[in-house]
Amino acid sequence: GSKTTGIALVQGNKVIWGAELTHRGQTIKMSLESRRSLRRSRRNRKTRYRQARFLNRKRSKGWLAPSLQHRVETTLTWVSKLIRFTPIGSIVQELVRFDLQQLENPEISGIEYQQGELQGYEVR
């Protein structure tokens, strides 16, 4: 998931070892945003000597956002640690997306997704 990833070593039908990785995605995002705001405030001061920098926006092929890159790297790090200690025959990754609205209301479909609890109220 985006916040945690579960890892388990299974032999047959028996779970031998299990762990839950807690990712730092939100922390990374907040630190990048604070760094960005400091940089912008520094650049918006009256410093005429600094040249404009707007032509450095290329991203390399296969680029991932830093929070996603962290998630991938920590999962791979733990898998490689486990491979060092135990003989692993196969690795299975389960990708799941939960529909939280359908968990609350199993009958929901179509346009009902857009009509939430605050329908009819002035939000602003």
PDB file of N, CA and C in Angstrom:
ATOM      1  N   GLY A   1       0.810  -1.187   0.000  1.00  0.00           N
ATOM      2  CA  GLY A   1       0.000   0.000   0.000  1.00  0.00           C
ATOM      3  C   GLY A   1       0.852   1.249   0.000  1.00  0.00           C
ATOM      4  N   SER A   2       0.222   2.372   0.125  1.00  0.00           N
ATOM      5  CA  SER A   2       0.978   3.620   0.113  1.00  0.00           C
ATOM      6  C   SER A   2       1.613   3.905   1.456  1.00  0.00           C
ATOM      7  N   LYS A   3       1.060   3.377   2.527  1.00  0.00           N
ATOM      8  CA  LYS A   3       1.618   3.654   3.849  1.00  0.00           C
ATOM      9  C   LYS A   3       2.377   2.473   4.425  1.00  0.00           C
ATOM     10  N   THR A   4       1.887   1.279   4.200  1.00  0.00           N
ATOM     11  CA  THR A   4       2.569   0.088   4.722  1.00  0.00           C
ATOM     12  C   THR A   4       2.617  -0.995   3.659  1.00  0.00           C
ATOM     13  N   THR A   5       3.618  -1.865   3.786  1.00  0.00           N
ATOM     14  CA  THR A   5       3.745  -3.034   2.920  1.00  0.00           C
ATOM     15  C   THR A   5       3.974  -4.238   3.817  1.00  0.00           C
ATOM     16  N   GLY A   6       3.251  -5.296   3.574  1.00  0.00           N
ATOM     17  CA  GLY A   6       3.415  -6.514   4.345  1.00  0.00           C
ATOM     18  C   GLY A   6       4.352  -7.478   3.643  1.00  0.00           C
ATOM     19  N   ILE A   7       5.236  -8.099   4.422  1.00  0.00           N
ATOM     20  CA  ILE A   7       6.170  -9.087   3.887  1.00  0.00           C
ATOM     21  C   ILE A   7       6.043 -10.333   4.750  1.00  0.00           C
ATOM     22  N   ALA A   8       6.000 -11.496   4.127  1.00  0.00           N
ATOM     23  CA  ALA A   8       5.891 -12.738   4.876  1.00  0.00           C
ATOM     24  C   ALA A   8       6.714 -13.830   4.204  1.00  0.00           C
ATOM     25  N   LEU A   9       7.329 -14.663   5.029  1.00  0.00           N
ATOM     26  CA  LEU A   9       7.984 -15.872   4.535  1.00  0.00           C
ATOM     27  C   LEU A   9       7.032 -17.030   4.802  1.00  0.00           C
ATOM     28  N   VAL A  10       6.690 -17.753   3.736  1.00  0.00           N
ATOM     29  CA  VAL A  10       5.705 -18.829   3.837  1.00  0.00           C
ATOM     30  C   VAL A  10       6.346 -20.125   3.370  1.00  0.00           C
ATOM     31  N   GLN A  11       6.107 -21.177   4.144  1.00  0.00           N
ATOM     32  CA  GLN A  11       6.554 -22.508   3.741  1.00  0.00           C
ATOM     33  C   GLN A  11       5.328 -23.404   3.703  1.00  0.00           C
ATOM     34  N   GLY A  12       4.922 -23.772   2.493  1.00  0.00           N
ATOM     35  CA  GLY A  12       3.676 -24.529   2.341  1.00  0.00           C
ATOM     36  C   GLY A  12       2.501 -23.618   2.664  1.00  0.00           C
ATOM     37  N   ASN A  13       1.732 -23.997   3.675  1.00  0.00           N
ATOM     38  CA  ASN A  13       0.616 -23.167   4.130  1.00  0.00           C
ATOM     39  C   ASN A  13       0.928 -22.461   5.442  1.00  0.00           C
ATOM     40  N   LYS A  14       2.166 -22.582   5.892  1.00  0.00           N
ATOM     41  CA  LYS A  14       2.548 -22.058   7.201  1.00  0.00           C
ATOM     42  C   LYS A  14       3.367 -20.780   7.057  1.00  0.00           C
ATOM     43  N   VAL A  15       2.976 -19.736   7.779  1.00  0.00           N
ATOM     44  CA  VAL A  15       3.731 -18.487   7.785  1.00  0.00           C
ATOM     45  C   VAL A  15       4.856 -18.621   8.809  1.00  0.00           C
ATOM     46  N   ILE A  16       6.086 -18.498   8.330  1.00  0.00           N
ATOM     47  CA  ILE A  16       7.256 -18.636   9.202  1.00  0.00           C
ATOM     48  C   ILE A  16       7.637 -17.292   9.820  1.00  0.00           C
ATOM     49  N   TRP A  17       7.583 -16.250   9.001  1.00  0.00           N
ATOM     50  CA  TRP A  17       7.991 -14.924   9.465  1.00  0.00           C
ATOM     51  C   TRP A  17       7.141 -13.880   8.760  1.00  0.00           C
ATOM     52  N   GLY A  18       6.729 -12.859   9.472  1.00  0.00           N
ATOM     53  CA  GLY A  18       5.941 -11.788   8.878  1.00  0.00           C
ATOM     54  C   GLY A  18       6.388 -10.436   9.394  1.00  0.00           C
ATOM     55  N   ALA A  19       6.296  -9.440   8.561  1.00  0.00           N
ATOM     56  CA  ALA A  19       6.678  -8.082   8.956  1.00  0.00           C
ATOM     57  C   ALA A  19       5.827  -7.073   8.198  1.00  0.00           C
ATOM     58  N   GLU A  20       5.808  -5.864   8.708  1.00  0.00           N
ATOM     59  CA  GLU A  20       5.075  -4.782   8.077  1.00  0.00           C
ATOM     60  C   GLU A  20       6.005  -3.586   7.950  1.00  0.00           C
ATOM     61  N   LEU A  21       6.266  -3.163   6.727  1.00  0.00           N
ATOM     62  CA  LEU A  21       7.117  -1.996   6.470  1.00  0.00           C
ATOM     63  C   LEU A  21       6.250  -0.743   6.487  1.00  0.00           C
ATOM     64  N   THR A  22       6.642   0.236   7.268  1.00  0.00           N
ATOM     65  CA  THR A  22       5.949   1.514   7.277  1.00  0.00           C
ATOM     66  C   THR A  22       6.759   2.479   6.425  1.00  0.00           C
ATOM     67  N   HIS A  23       6.127   2.996   5.381  1.00  0.00           N
ATOM     68  CA  HIS A  23       6.832   3.860   4.439  1.00  0.00           C
ATOM     69  C   HIS A  23       6.811   5.309   4.905  1.00  0.00           C
ATOM     70  N   ARG A  24       7.799   6.085   4.435  1.00  0.00           N
ATOM     71  CA  ARG A  24       7.949   7.483   4.810  1.00  0.00           C
ATOM     72  C   ARG A  24       7.450   8.418   3.718  1.00  0.00           C
ATOM     73  N   GLY A  25       6.513   7.983   2.889  1.00  0.00           N
ATOM     74  CA  GLY A  25       6.076   8.754   1.729  1.00  0.00           C
ATOM     75  C   GLY A  25       5.607  10.157   2.065  1.00  0.00           C
ATOM     76  N   GLN A  26       4.729  10.305   3.053  1.00  0.00           N
ATOM     77  CA  GLN A  26       4.222  11.622   3.428  1.00  0.00           C
ATOM     78  C   GLN A  26       5.318  12.485   4.024  1.00  0.00           C
ATOM     79  N   THR A  27       6.210  11.887   4.806  1.00  0.00           N
ATOM     80  CA  THR A  27       7.320  12.640   5.396  1.00  0.00           C
ATOM     81  C   THR A  27       8.231  13.179   4.310  1.00  0.00           C
ATOM     82  N   ILE A  28       8.524  12.353   3.322  1.00  0.00           N
ATOM     83  CA  ILE A  28       9.364  12.777   2.206  1.00  0.00           C
ATOM     84  C   ILE A  28       8.686  13.913   1.444  1.00  0.00           C
ATOM     85  N   LYS A  29       7.394  13.781   1.201  1.00  0.00           N
ATOM     86  CA  LYS A  29       6.654  14.809   0.477  1.00  0.00           C
ATOM     87  C   LYS A  29       6.674  16.132   1.230  1.00  0.00           C
ATOM     88  N   MET A  30       6.446  16.084   2.552  1.00  0.00           N
ATOM     89  CA  MET A  30       6.432  17.315   3.342  1.00  0.00           C
ATOM     90  C   MET A  30       7.814  17.968   3.386  1.00  0.00           C
ATOM     91  N   SER A  31       8.879  17.172   3.489  1.00  0.00           N
ATOM     92  CA  SER A  31      10.219  17.754   3.531  1.00  0.00           C
ATOM     93  C   SER A  31      10.587  18.378   2.185  1.00  0.00           C
ATOM     94  N   LEU A  32      10.170  17.752   1.079  1.00  0.00           N
ATOM     95  CA  LEU A  32      10.412  18.341  -0.232  1.00  0.00           C
ATOM     96  C   LEU A  32       9.635  19.643  -0.416  1.00  0.00           C
ATOM     97  N   GLU A  33       8.400  19.675   0.099  1.00  0.00           N
ATOM     98  CA  GLU A  33       7.605  20.897  -0.008  1.00  0.00           C
ATOM     99  C   GLU A  33       8.203  22.024   0.826  1.00  0.00           C
ATOM    100  N   SER A  34       8.713  21.713   2.013  1.00  0.00           N
ATOM    101  CA  SER A  34       9.319  22.763   2.837  1.00  0.00           C
ATOM    102  C   SER A  34      10.610  23.259   2.181  1.00  0.00           C
ATOM    103  N   ARG A  35      11.385  22.347   1.592  1.00  0.00           N
ATOM    104  CA  ARG A  35      12.597  22.734   0.884  1.00  0.00           C
ATOM    105  C   ARG A  35      12.258  23.641  -0.302  1.00  0.00           C
ATOM    106  N   ARG A  36      11.169  23.277  -0.996  1.00  0.00           N
ATOM    107  CA  ARG A  36      10.723  24.066  -2.145  1.00  0.00           C
ATOM    108  C   ARG A  36      10.311  25.470  -1.718  1.00  0.00           C
ATOM    109  N   SER A  37       9.567  25.578  -0.607  1.00  0.00           N
ATOM    110  CA  SER A  37       9.118  26.900  -0.167  1.00  0.00           C
ATOM    111  C   SER A  37      10.297  27.765   0.273  1.00  0.00           C
ATOM    112  N   LEU A  38      11.284  27.164   0.936  1.00  0.00           N
ATOM    113  CA  LEU A  38      12.479  27.929   1.316  1.00  0.00           C
ATOM    114  C   LEU A  38      13.232  28.409   0.075  1.00  0.00           C
ATOM    115  N   ARG A  39      13.363  27.544  -0.916  1.00  0.00           N
ATOM    116  CA  ARG A  39      14.060  27.902  -2.143  1.00  0.00           C
ATOM    117  C   ARG A  39      13.323  29.031  -2.875  1.00  0.00           C
ATOM    118  N   ARG A  40      11.995  28.926  -2.947  1.00  0.00           N
ATOM    119  CA  ARG A  40      11.220  29.952  -3.639  1.00  0.00           C
ATOM    120  C   ARG A  40      11.305  31.290  -2.924  1.00  0.00           C
ATOM    121  N   SER A  41      11.252  31.265  -1.586  1.00  0.00           N
ATOM    122  CA  SER A  41      11.343  32.530  -0.858  1.00  0.00           C
ATOM    123  C   SER A  41      12.728  33.148  -1.037  1.00  0.00           C
ATOM    124  N   ARG A  42      13.746  32.313  -1.082  1.00  0.00           N
ATOM    125  CA  ARG A  42      15.106  32.813  -1.292  1.00  0.00           C
ATOM    126  C   ARG A  42      15.233  33.428  -2.683  1.00  0.00           C
ATOM    127  N   ARG A  43      14.625  32.804  -3.675  1.00  0.00           N
ATOM    128  CA  ARG A  43      14.734  33.301  -5.045  1.00  0.00           C
ATOM    129  C   ARG A  43      13.869  34.533  -5.295  1.00  0.00           C
ATOM    130  N   ASN A  44      12.823  34.693  -4.506  1.00  0.00           N
ATOM    131  CA  ASN A  44      11.929  35.832  -4.712  1.00  0.00           C
ATOM    132  C   ASN A  44      12.399  37.091  -3.992  1.00  0.00           C
ATOM    133  N   ARG A  45      13.460  36.986  -3.222  1.00  0.00           N
ATOM    134  CA  ARG A  45      14.021  38.197  -2.625  1.00  0.00           C
ATOM    135  C   ARG A  45      14.630  39.057  -3.724  1.00  0.00           C
ATOM    136  N   LYS A  46      14.963  40.274  -3.383  1.00  0.00           N
ATOM    137  CA  LYS A  46      15.483  41.186  -4.414  1.00  0.00           C
ATOM    138  C   LYS A  46      16.958  40.900  -4.678  1.00  0.00           C
ATOM    139  N   THR A  47      17.203  39.841  -5.393  1.00  0.00           N
ATOM    140  CA  THR A  47      18.573  39.487  -5.765  1.00  0.00           C
ATOM    141  C   THR A  47      18.655  39.488  -7.283  1.00  0.00           C
ATOM    142  N   ARG A  48      19.068  40.598  -7.847  1.00  0.00           N
ATOM    143  CA  ARG A  48      19.079  40.745  -9.305  1.00  0.00           C
ATOM    144  C   ARG A  48      20.206  39.967  -9.955  1.00  0.00           C
ATOM    145  N   TYR A  49      21.243  39.679  -9.218  1.00  0.00           N
ATOM    146  CA  TYR A  49      22.414  39.043  -9.814  1.00  0.00           C
ATOM    147  C   TYR A  49      22.165  37.589 -10.212  1.00  0.00           C
ATOM    148  N   ARG A  50      21.122  36.998  -9.697  1.00  0.00           N
ATOM    149  CA  ARG A  50      20.885  35.577  -9.975  1.00  0.00           C
ATOM    150  C   ARG A  50      20.148  35.425 -11.304  1.00  0.00           C
ATOM    151  N   GLN A  51      20.685  34.599 -12.186  1.00  0.00           N
ATOM    152  CA  GLN A  51      20.037  34.382 -13.483  1.00  0.00           C
ATOM    153  C   GLN A  51      18.799  33.508 -13.335  1.00  0.00           C
ATOM    154  N   ALA A  52      17.863  33.713 -14.249  1.00  0.00           N
ATOM    155  CA  ALA A  52      16.648  32.899 -14.259  1.00  0.00           C
ATOM    156  C   ALA A  52      17.001  31.478 -14.678  1.00  0.00           C
ATOM    157  N   ARG A  53      16.393  30.511 -13.987  1.00  0.00           N
ATOM    158  CA  ARG A  53      16.636  29.107 -14.335  1.00  0.00           C
ATOM    159  C   ARG A  53      15.294  28.452 -14.616  1.00  0.00           C
ATOM    160  N   PHE A  54      15.008  28.275 -15.877  1.00  0.00           N
ATOM    161  CA  PHE A  54      13.731  27.665 -16.235  1.00  0.00           C
ATOM    162  C   PHE A  54      13.884  26.621 -17.323  1.00  0.00           C
ATOM    163  N   LEU A  55      15.106  26.381 -17.783  1.00  0.00           N
ATOM    164  CA  LEU A  55      15.310  25.394 -18.841  1.00  0.00           C
ATOM    165  C   LEU A  55      15.927  24.098 -18.315  1.00  0.00           C
ATOM    166  N   ASN A  56      15.710  23.788 -17.054  1.00  0.00           N
ATOM    167  CA  ASN A  56      16.301  22.573 -16.478  1.00  0.00           C
ATOM    168  C   ASN A  56      15.206  21.632 -15.962  1.00  0.00           C
ATOM    169  N   ARG A  57      14.240  21.359 -16.794  1.00  0.00           N
ATOM    170  CA  ARG A  57      13.068  20.612 -16.333  1.00  0.00           C
ATOM    171  C   ARG A  57      12.944  19.206 -16.910  1.00  0.00           C
ATOM    172  N   LYS A  58      14.023  18.629 -17.434  1.00  0.00           N
ATOM    173  CA  LYS A  58      13.916  17.298 -18.027  1.00  0.00           C
ATOM    174  C   LYS A  58      14.038  16.227 -16.950  1.00  0.00           C
ATOM    175  N   ARG A  59      13.222  15.201 -17.068  1.00  0.00           N
ATOM    176  CA  ARG A  59      13.284  14.063 -16.153  1.00  0.00           C
ATOM    177  C   ARG A  59      13.803  12.863 -16.931  1.00  0.00           C
ATOM    178  N   SER A  60      14.614  12.075 -16.275  1.00  0.00           N
ATOM    179  CA  SER A  60      15.175  10.917 -16.951  1.00  0.00           C
ATOM    180  C   SER A  60      14.100   9.857 -17.186  1.00  0.00           C
ATOM    181  N   LYS A  61      14.374   8.964 -18.098  1.00  0.00           N
ATOM    182  CA  LYS A  61      13.420   7.906 -18.418  1.00  0.00           C
ATOM    183  C   LYS A  61      13.324   6.955 -17.226  1.00  0.00           C
ATOM    184  N   GLY A  62      12.118   6.544 -16.881  1.00  0.00           N
ATOM    185  CA  GLY A  62      11.924   5.663 -15.737  1.00  0.00           C
ATOM    186  C   GLY A  62      11.886   6.413 -14.415  1.00  0.00           C
ATOM    187  N   TRP A  63      11.702   7.735 -14.450  1.00  0.00           N
ATOM    188  CA  TRP A  63      11.680   8.552 -13.247  1.00  0.00           C
ATOM    189  C   TRP A  63      10.449   8.228 -12.418  1.00  0.00           C
ATOM    190  N   LEU A  64      10.636   8.135 -11.113  1.00  0.00           N
ATOM    191  CA  LEU A  64       9.522   7.984 -10.177  1.00  0.00           C
ATOM    192  C   LEU A  64       9.585   9.129  -9.174  1.00  0.00           C
ATOM    193  N   ALA A  65       8.444   9.481  -8.629  1.00  0.00           N
ATOM    194  CA  ALA A  65       8.410  10.491  -7.579  1.00  0.00           C
ATOM    195  C   ALA A  65       9.223   9.983  -6.383  1.00  0.00           C
ATOM    196  N   PRO A  66       9.856  10.873  -5.611  1.00  0.00           N
ATOM    197  CA  PRO A  66      10.713  10.432  -4.515  1.00  0.00           C
ATOM    198  C   PRO A  66      10.010   9.545  -3.489  1.00  0.00           C
ATOM    199  N   SER A  67       8.731   9.814  -3.202  1.00  0.00           N
ATOM    200  CA  SER A  67       8.015   8.976  -2.241  1.00  0.00           C
ATOM    201  C   SER A  67       7.804   7.570  -2.801  1.00  0.00           C
ATOM    202  N   LEU A  68       7.504   7.465  -4.103  1.00  0.00           N
ATOM    203  CA  LEU A  68       7.339   6.152  -4.723  1.00  0.00           C
ATOM    204  C   LEU A  68       8.677   5.427  -4.840  1.00  0.00           C
ATOM    205  N   GLN A  69       9.739   6.197  -5.166  1.00  0.00           N
ATOM    206  CA  GLN A  69      11.069   5.611  -5.261  1.00  0.00           C
ATOM    207  C   GLN A  69      11.499   5.024  -3.922  1.00  0.00           C
ATOM    208  N   HIS A  70      11.178   5.724  -2.843  1.00  0.00           N
ATOM    209  CA  HIS A  70      11.487   5.223  -1.501  1.00  0.00           C
ATOM    210  C   HIS A  70      10.755   3.909  -1.225  1.00  0.00           C
ATOM    211  N   ARG A  71       9.482   3.854  -1.621  1.00  0.00           N
ATOM    212  CA  ARG A  71       8.691   2.648  -1.390  1.00  0.00           C
ATOM    213  C   ARG A  71       9.298   1.449  -2.111  1.00  0.00           C
ATOM    214  N   VAL A  72       9.696   1.651  -3.362  1.00  0.00           N
ATOM    215  CA  VAL A  72      10.300   0.580  -4.151  1.00  0.00           C
ATOM    216  C   VAL A  72      11.634   0.144  -3.544  1.00  0.00           C
ATOM    217  N   GLU A  73      12.471   1.126  -3.186  1.00  0.00           N
ATOM    218  CA  GLU A  73      13.806   0.804  -2.687  1.00  0.00           C
ATOM    219  C   GLU A  73      13.781   0.111  -1.333  1.00  0.00           C
ATOM    220  N   THR A  74      12.891   0.539  -0.418  1.00  0.00           N
ATOM    221  CA  THR A  74      12.842  -0.125   0.882  1.00  0.00           C
ATOM    222  C   THR A  74      12.320  -1.555   0.751  1.00  0.00           C
ATOM    223  N   THR A  75      11.340  -1.753  -0.126  1.00  0.00           N
ATOM    224  CA  THR A  75      10.836  -3.112  -0.334  1.00  0.00           C
ATOM    225  C   THR A  75      11.934  -4.000  -0.923  1.00  0.00           C
ATOM    226  N   LEU A  76      12.653  -3.497  -1.908  1.00  0.00           N
ATOM    227  CA  LEU A  76      13.737  -4.275  -2.501  1.00  0.00           C
ATOM    228  C   LEU A  76      14.866  -4.541  -1.502  1.00  0.00           C
ATOM    229  N   THR A  77      15.151  -3.578  -0.639  1.00  0.00           N
ATOM    230  CA  THR A  77      16.185  -3.759   0.380  1.00  0.00           C
ATOM    231  C   THR A  77      15.824  -4.900   1.320  1.00  0.00           C
ATOM    232  N   TRP A  78      14.575  -4.914   1.774  1.00  0.00           N
ATOM    233  CA  TRP A  78      14.169  -5.979   2.699  1.00  0.00           C
ATOM    234  C   TRP A  78      14.112  -7.338   2.004  1.00  0.00           C
ATOM    235  N   VAL A  79      13.699  -7.357   0.754  1.00  0.00           N
ATOM    236  CA  VAL A  79      13.690  -8.628   0.017  1.00  0.00           C
ATOM    237  C   VAL A  79      15.109  -9.151  -0.142  1.00  0.00           C
ATOM    238  N   SER A  80      16.057  -8.272  -0.457  1.00  0.00           N
ATOM    239  CA  SER A  80      17.448  -8.728  -0.607  1.00  0.00           C
ATOM    240  C   SER A  80      18.028  -9.185   0.728  1.00  0.00           C
ATOM    241  N   LYS A  81      17.632  -8.553   1.838  1.00  0.00           N
ATOM    242  CA  LYS A  81      18.078  -9.010   3.164  1.00  0.00           C
ATOM    243  C   LYS A  81      17.536 -10.405   3.462  1.00  0.00           C
ATOM    244  N   LEU A  82      16.273 -10.627   3.120  1.00  0.00           N
ATOM    245  CA  LEU A  82      15.674 -11.941   3.369  1.00  0.00           C
ATOM    246  C   LEU A  82      16.302 -13.014   2.494  1.00  0.00           C
ATOM    247  N   ILE A  83      16.657 -12.662   1.269  1.00  0.00           N
ATOM    248  CA  ILE A  83      17.295 -13.619   0.359  1.00  0.00           C
ATOM    249  C   ILE A  83      18.648 -14.061   0.917  1.00  0.00           C
ATOM    250  N   ARG A  84      19.341 -13.153   1.599  1.00  0.00           N
ATOM    251  CA  ARG A  84      20.634 -13.503   2.189  1.00  0.00           C
ATOM    252  C   ARG A  84      20.510 -14.549   3.299  1.00  0.00           C
ATOM    253  N   PHE A  85      19.406 -14.501   4.047  1.00  0.00           N
ATOM    254  CA  PHE A  85      19.271 -15.371   5.218  1.00  0.00           C
ATOM    255  C   PHE A  85      18.499 -16.656   4.963  1.00  0.00           C
ATOM    256  N   THR A  86      17.634 -16.669   3.972  1.00  0.00           N
ATOM    257  CA  THR A  86      16.797 -17.849   3.732  1.00  0.00           C
ATOM    258  C   THR A  86      16.807 -18.216   2.254  1.00  0.00           C
ATOM    259  N   PRO A  87      16.687 -19.492   1.950  1.00  0.00           N
ATOM    260  CA  PRO A  87      16.559 -19.888   0.538  1.00  0.00           C
ATOM    261  C   PRO A  87      15.129 -19.605   0.064  1.00  0.00           C
ATOM    262  N   ILE A  88      14.993 -18.681  -0.876  1.00  0.00           N
ATOM    263  CA  ILE A  88      13.674 -18.284  -1.356  1.00  0.00           C
ATOM    264  C   ILE A  88      13.485 -18.830  -2.764  1.00  0.00           C
ATOM    265  N   GLY A  89      12.392 -19.562  -2.954  1.00  0.00           N
ATOM    266  CA  GLY A  89      12.104 -20.157  -4.252  1.00  0.00           C
ATOM    267  C   GLY A  89      11.380 -19.216  -5.186  1.00  0.00           C
ATOM    268  N   SER A  90      10.460 -18.413  -4.651  1.00  0.00           N
ATOM    269  CA  SER A  90       9.710 -17.483  -5.494  1.00  0.00           C
ATOM    270  C   SER A  90       9.250 -16.291  -4.663  1.00  0.00           C
ATOM    271  N   ILE A  91       8.994 -15.209  -5.354  1.00  0.00           N
ATOM    272  CA  ILE A  91       8.489 -13.993  -4.724  1.00  0.00           C
ATOM    273  C   ILE A  91       7.164 -13.658  -5.389  1.00  0.00           C
ATOM    274  N   VAL A  92       6.147 -13.401  -4.579  1.00  0.00           N
ATOM    275  CA  VAL A  92       4.829 -13.060  -5.093  1.00  0.00           C
ATOM    276  C   VAL A  92       4.468 -11.677  -4.578  1.00  0.00           C
ATOM    277  N   GLN A  93       4.045 -10.813  -5.489  1.00  0.00           N
ATOM    278  CA  GLN A  93       3.621  -9.471  -5.112  1.00  0.00           C
ATOM    279  C   GLN A  93       2.143  -9.352  -5.408  1.00  0.00           C
ATOM    280  N   GLU A  94       1.386  -8.900  -4.417  1.00  0.00           N
ATOM    281  CA  GLU A  94      -0.051  -8.763  -4.582  1.00  0.00           C
ATOM    282  C   GLU A  94      -0.396  -7.281  -4.624  1.00  0.00           C
ATOM    283  N   LEU A  95      -0.933  -6.836  -5.739  1.00  0.00           N
ATOM    284  CA  LEU A  95      -1.334  -5.442  -5.889  1.00  0.00           C
ATOM    285  C   LEU A  95      -2.846  -5.360  -5.724  1.00  0.00           C
ATOM    286  N   VAL A  96      -3.285  -4.593  -4.726  1.00  0.00           N
ATOM    287  CA  VAL A  96      -4.705  -4.532  -4.398  1.00  0.00           C
ATOM    288  C   VAL A  96      -5.120  -3.073  -4.291  1.00  0.00           C
ATOM    289  N   ARG A  97      -6.271  -2.749  -4.832  1.00  0.00           N
ATOM    290  CA  ARG A  97      -6.866  -1.432  -4.640  1.00  0.00           C
ATOM    291  C   ARG A  97      -8.214  -1.640  -3.963  1.00  0.00           C
ATOM    292  N   PHE A  98      -8.416  -0.972  -2.868  1.00  0.00           N
ATOM    293  CA  PHE A  98      -9.663  -1.098  -2.120  1.00  0.00           C
ATOM    294  C   PHE A  98     -10.638  -0.007  -2.525  1.00  0.00           C
ATOM    295  N   ASP A  99     -11.889  -0.397  -2.672  1.00  0.00           N
ATOM    296  CA  ASP A  99     -12.962   0.553  -2.913  1.00  0.00           C
ATOM    297  C   ASP A  99     -13.639   0.799  -1.571  1.00  0.00           C
ATOM    298  N   LEU A 100     -13.204   1.853  -0.872  1.00  0.00           N
ATOM    299  CA  LEU A 100     -13.681   2.106   0.483  1.00  0.00           C
ATOM    300  C   LEU A 100     -15.158   2.461   0.511  1.00  0.00           C
ATOM    301  N   GLN A 101     -15.655   3.132  -0.531  1.00  0.00           N
ATOM    302  CA  GLN A 101     -17.079   3.460  -0.561  1.00  0.00           C
ATOM    303  C   GLN A 101     -17.928   2.200  -0.683  1.00  0.00           C
ATOM    304  N   GLN A 102     -17.443   1.231  -1.441  1.00  0.00           N
ATOM    305  CA  GLN A 102     -18.214   0.006  -1.601  1.00  0.00           C
ATOM    306  C   GLN A 102     -18.155  -0.858  -0.348  1.00  0.00           C
ATOM    307  N   LEU A 103     -17.084  -0.718   0.438  1.00  0.00           N
ATOM    308  CA  LEU A 103     -17.035  -1.426   1.712  1.00  0.00           C
ATOM    309  C   LEU A 103     -18.101  -0.894   2.663  1.00  0.00           C
ATOM    310  N   GLU A 104     -18.338   0.427   2.637  1.00  0.00           N
ATOM    311  CA  GLU A 104     -19.365   1.025   3.488  1.00  0.00           C
ATOM    312  C   GLU A 104     -20.766   0.731   2.964  1.00  0.00           C
ATOM    313  N   ASN A 105     -20.928   0.836   1.637  1.00  0.00           N
ATOM    314  CA  ASN A 105     -22.244   0.653   1.020  1.00  0.00           C
ATOM    315  C   ASN A 105     -22.101  -0.289  -0.173  1.00  0.00           C
ATOM    316  N   PRO A 106     -22.372  -1.594   0.000  1.00  0.00           N
ATOM    317  CA  PRO A 106     -22.179  -2.559  -1.093  1.00  0.00           C
ATOM    318  C   PRO A 106     -23.077  -2.331  -2.305  1.00  0.00           C
ATOM    319  N   GLU A 107     -24.147  -1.550  -2.169  1.00  0.00           N
ATOM    320  CA  GLU A 107     -25.100  -1.348  -3.251  1.00  0.00           C
ATOM    321  C   GLU A 107     -24.703  -0.201  -4.180  1.00  0.00           C
ATOM    322  N   ILE A 108     -23.610   0.495  -3.894  1.00  0.00           N
ATOM    323  CA  ILE A 108     -23.245   1.704  -4.642  1.00  0.00           C
ATOM    324  C   ILE A 108     -22.811   1.360  -6.068  1.00  0.00           C
ATOM    325  N   SER A 109     -23.199   2.225  -7.027  1.00  0.00           N
ATOM    326  CA  SER A 109     -22.780   2.038  -8.421  1.00  0.00           C
ATOM    327  C   SER A 109     -23.015   3.326  -9.196  1.00  0.00           C
ATOM    328  N   GLY A 110     -22.283   3.484 -10.280  1.00  0.00           N
ATOM    329  CA  GLY A 110     -22.488   4.586 -11.216  1.00  0.00           C
ATOM    330  C   GLY A 110     -22.291   5.967 -10.628  1.00  0.00           C
ATOM    331  N   ILE A 111     -23.302   6.806 -10.829  1.00  0.00           N
ATOM    332  CA  ILE A 111     -23.205   8.213 -10.431  1.00  0.00           C
ATOM    333  C   ILE A 111     -23.248   8.392  -8.919  1.00  0.00           C
ATOM    334  N   GLU A 112     -23.649   7.382  -8.189  1.00  0.00           N
ATOM    335  CA  GLU A 112     -23.716   7.468  -6.727  1.00  0.00           C
ATOM    336  C   GLU A 112     -22.343   7.717  -6.108  1.00  0.00           C
ATOM    337  N   TYR A 113     -21.262   7.339  -6.823  1.00  0.00           N
ATOM    338  CA  TYR A 113     -19.919   7.616  -6.323  1.00  0.00           C
ATOM    339  C   TYR A 113     -19.666   9.113  -6.211  1.00  0.00           C
ATOM    340  N   GLN A 114     -20.280   9.900  -7.109  1.00  0.00           N
ATOM    341  CA  GLN A 114     -20.068  11.347  -7.109  1.00  0.00           C
ATOM    342  C   GLN A 114     -20.969  12.065  -6.123  1.00  0.00           C
ATOM    343  N   GLN A 115     -21.972  11.380  -5.625  1.00  0.00           N
ATOM    344  CA  GLN A 115     -22.908  12.000  -4.703  1.00  0.00           C
ATOM    345  C   GLN A 115     -22.605  11.499  -3.293  1.00  0.00           C
ATOM    346  N   GLY A 116     -21.668  12.153  -2.648  1.00  0.00           N
ATOM    347  CA  GLY A 116     -21.220  11.721  -1.326  1.00  0.00           C
ATOM    348  C   GLY A 116     -22.109  12.231  -0.208  1.00  0.00           C
ATOM    349  N   GLU A 117     -21.555  12.238   1.003  1.00  0.00           N
ATOM    350  CA  GLU A 117     -22.317  12.641   2.191  1.00  0.00           C
ATOM    351  C   GLU A 117     -22.682  14.115   2.166  1.00  0.00           C
ATOM    352  N   LEU A 118     -21.870  14.944   1.505  1.00  0.00           N
ATOM    353  CA  LEU A 118     -22.095  16.400   1.509  1.00  0.00           C
ATOM    354  C   LEU A 118     -22.871  16.897   0.305  1.00  0.00           C
ATOM    355  N   GLN A 119     -23.538  16.003  -0.411  1.00  0.00           N
ATOM    356  CA  GLN A 119     -24.309  16.445  -1.583  1.00  0.00           C
ATOM    357  C   GLN A 119     -25.449  17.353  -1.142  1.00  0.00           C
ATOM    358  N   GLY A 120     -25.588  18.492  -1.829  1.00  0.00           N
ATOM    359  CA  GLY A 120     -26.639  19.432  -1.499  1.00  0.00           C
ATOM    360  C   GLY A 120     -26.199  20.515  -0.533  1.00  0.00           C
ATOM    361  N   TYR A 121     -25.029  20.376   0.065  1.00  0.00           N
ATOM    362  CA  TYR A 121     -24.516  21.385   0.989  1.00  0.00           C
ATOM    363  C   TYR A 121     -23.515  22.269   0.269  1.00  0.00           C
ATOM    364  N   GLU A 122     -23.441  23.520   0.698  1.00  0.00           N
ATOM    365  CA  GLU A 122     -22.437  24.447   0.176  1.00  0.00           C
ATOM    366  C   GLU A 122     -21.147  24.189   0.929  1.00  0.00           C
ATOM    367  N   VAL A 123     -20.127  23.719   0.231  1.00  0.00           N
ATOM    368  CA  VAL A 123     -18.880  23.302   0.878  1.00  0.00           C
ATOM    369  C   VAL A 123     -18.000  24.508   1.195  1.00  0.00           C
ATOM    370  N   ARG A 124     -17.991  25.498   0.305  1.00  0.00           N
ATOM    371  CA  ARG A 124     -17.092  26.656   0.502  1.00  0.00           C
ATOM    372  C   ARG A 124     -17.673  27.657   1.467  1.00  0.00           C
TER     373      ARG A 124
END
